[in-house]
C-alpha atoms as a PDB file:
ATOM      1  CA  UNK A   1     101.863 108.511  97.414  1.00  0.00           C
ATOM      2  CA  UNK A   2     104.042 110.655  95.194  1.00  0.00           C
ATOM      3  CA  UNK A   3     102.586 111.735  91.847  1.00  0.00           C
ATOM      4  CA  UNK A   4     105.958 111.087  90.171  1.00  0.00           C
ATOM      5  CA  UNK A   5     106.128 107.465  91.317  1.00  0.00           C
ATOM      6  CA  UNK A   6     106.256 104.979  88.472  1.00  0.00           C
ATOM      7  CA  UNK A   7     105.911 101.210  88.392  1.00  0.00           C
ATOM      8  CA  UNK A   8     109.637 100.520  88.122  1.00  0.00           C
ATOM      9  CA  UNK A   9     110.521 102.758  91.072  1.00  0.00           C
ATOM     10  CA  UNK A  10     107.685 101.335  93.171  1.00  0.00           C
ATOM     11  CA  UNK A  11     108.805  97.784  92.436  1.00  0.00           C
ATOM     12  CA  UNK A  12     112.419  98.635  93.272  1.00  0.00           C
ATOM     13  CA  UNK A  13     111.422 100.222  96.570  1.00  0.00           C
ATOM     14  CA  UNK A  14     109.225  97.251  97.385  1.00  0.00           C
ATOM     15  CA  UNK A  15     112.122  94.891  96.651  1.00  0.00           C
ATOM     16  CA  UNK A  16     114.391  96.904  98.936  1.00  0.00           C
ATOM     17  CA  UNK A  17     111.849  96.758 101.764  1.00  0.00           C
ATOM     18  CA  UNK A  18     111.379  93.014 101.302  1.00  0.00           C
ATOM     19  CA  UNK A  19     115.139  92.428 101.308  1.00  0.00           C
ATOM     20  CA  UNK A  20     115.594  94.515 104.448  1.00  0.00           C
ATOM     21  CA  UNK A  21     112.850  92.570 106.217  1.00  0.00           C
ATOM     22  CA  UNK A  22     114.314  89.239 105.106  1.00  0.00           C
ATOM     23  CA  UNK A  23     117.791  90.282 106.255  1.00  0.00           C
ATOM     24  CA  UNK A  24     116.351  91.517 109.549  1.00  0.00           C
ATOM     25  CA  UNK A  25     118.052  94.869 109.011  1.00  0.00           C
ATOM     26  CA  UNK A  26     114.899  96.797 109.908  1.00  0.00           C
ATOM     27  CA  UNK A  27     114.438  97.601 113.566  1.00  0.00           C
ATOM     28  CA  UNK A  28     111.226  96.731 115.333  1.00  0.00           C
ATOM     29  CA  UNK A  29     110.587 100.475 115.588  1.00  0.00           C
ATOM     30  CA  UNK A  30     110.643 100.829 111.780  1.00  0.00           C
ATOM     31  CA  UNK A  31     108.858  97.595 110.911  1.00  0.00           C
ATOM     32  CA  UNK A  32     105.264  98.858 111.001  1.00  0.00           C
ATOM     33  CA  UNK A  33     106.171 101.903 108.903  1.00  0.00           C
ATOM     34  CA  UNK A  34     107.949  99.755 106.309  1.00  0.00           C
ATOM     35  CA  UNK A  35     105.105  97.244 106.146  1.00  0.00           C
ATOM     36  CA  UNK A  36     102.609 100.097 105.665  1.00  0.00           C
ATOM     37  CA  UNK A  37     104.748 101.543 102.871  1.00  0.00           C
ATOM     38  CA  UNK A  38     105.036  98.100 101.271  1.00  0.00           C
ATOM     39  CA  UNK A  39     101.236  97.787 101.308  1.00  0.00           C
ATOM     40  CA  UNK A  40     100.926 101.185  99.607  1.00  0.00           C
ATOM     41  CA  UNK A  41     103.460 100.167  96.963  1.00  0.00           C
ATOM     42  CA  UNK A  42     101.704  96.857  96.329  1.00  0.00           C
ATOM     43  CA  UNK A  43      98.401  98.694  95.889  1.00  0.00           C
ATOM     44  CA  UNK A  44     100.050 101.175  93.505  1.00  0.00           C
ATOM     45  CA  UNK A  45     101.607  98.378  91.426  1.00  0.00           C
ATOM     46  CA  UNK A  46      98.377  96.369  91.271  1.00  0.00           C
ATOM     47  CA  UNK A  47      96.429  99.425  90.159  1.00  0.00           C
ATOM     48  CA  UNK A  48      99.044 100.277  87.555  1.00  0.00           C
ATOM     49  CA  UNK A  49      98.987  96.730  86.174  1.00  0.00           C
ATOM     50  CA  UNK A  50      95.173  96.630  86.033  1.00  0.00           C
ATOM     51  CA  UNK A  51      95.023 100.010  84.278  1.00  0.00           C
ATOM     52  CA  UNK A  52      97.710  99.024  81.798  1.00  0.00           C
ATOM     53  CA  UNK A  53      95.966  95.716  81.092  1.00  0.00           C
ATOM     54  CA  UNK A  54      92.681  97.516  80.438  1.00  0.00           C
ATOM     55  CA  UNK A  55      94.380 100.032  78.156  1.00  0.00           C
ATOM     56  CA  UNK A  56      96.164  97.322  76.151  1.00  0.00           C
ATOM     57  CA  UNK A  57      92.918  95.347  75.761  1.00  0.00           C
ATOM     58  CA  UNK A  58      91.170  98.509  74.556  1.00  0.00           C
ATOM     59  CA  UNK A  59      93.904  99.184  71.991  1.00  0.00           C
ATOM     60  CA  UNK A  60      93.831  95.584  70.760  1.00  0.00           C
ATOM     61  CA  UNK A  61      90.054  95.704  70.425  1.00  0.00           C
ATOM     62  CA  UNK A  62      90.320  98.913  68.400  1.00  0.00           C
ATOM     63  CA  UNK A  63      92.961  97.355  66.172  1.00  0.00           C
ATOM     64  CA  UNK A  64      90.813  94.269  65.670  1.00  0.00           C
ATOM     65  CA  UNK A  65      87.787  96.408  64.791  1.00  0.00           C
ATOM     66  CA  UNK A  66      89.843  98.363  62.252  1.00  0.00           C
ATOM     67  CA  UNK A  67      91.161  95.171  60.663  1.00  0.00           C
ATOM     68  CA  UNK A  68      87.569  93.920  60.250  1.00  0.00           C
ATOM     69  CA  UNK A  69      86.625  97.197  58.579  1.00  0.00           C
ATOM     70  CA  UNK A  70      89.458  96.774  56.050  1.00  0.00           C
ATOM     71  CA  UNK A  71      88.329  93.295  54.980  1.00  0.00           C
END
């Protein structure tokens, strides 16, 4: 997976693949490749969301700890 891939681009590509599958515009020859790519994109997005969630929770915990120190 490309190092420059970001969540927005991954989600857009995933949406395009899903739309193509739904519209039956992907040939049988391409289907397995597209499904594999979709799985990679889903994994990337899930990982990105989990990492972001953990980072936000960490920041909020730090902010909460600082606010307790001020009181």
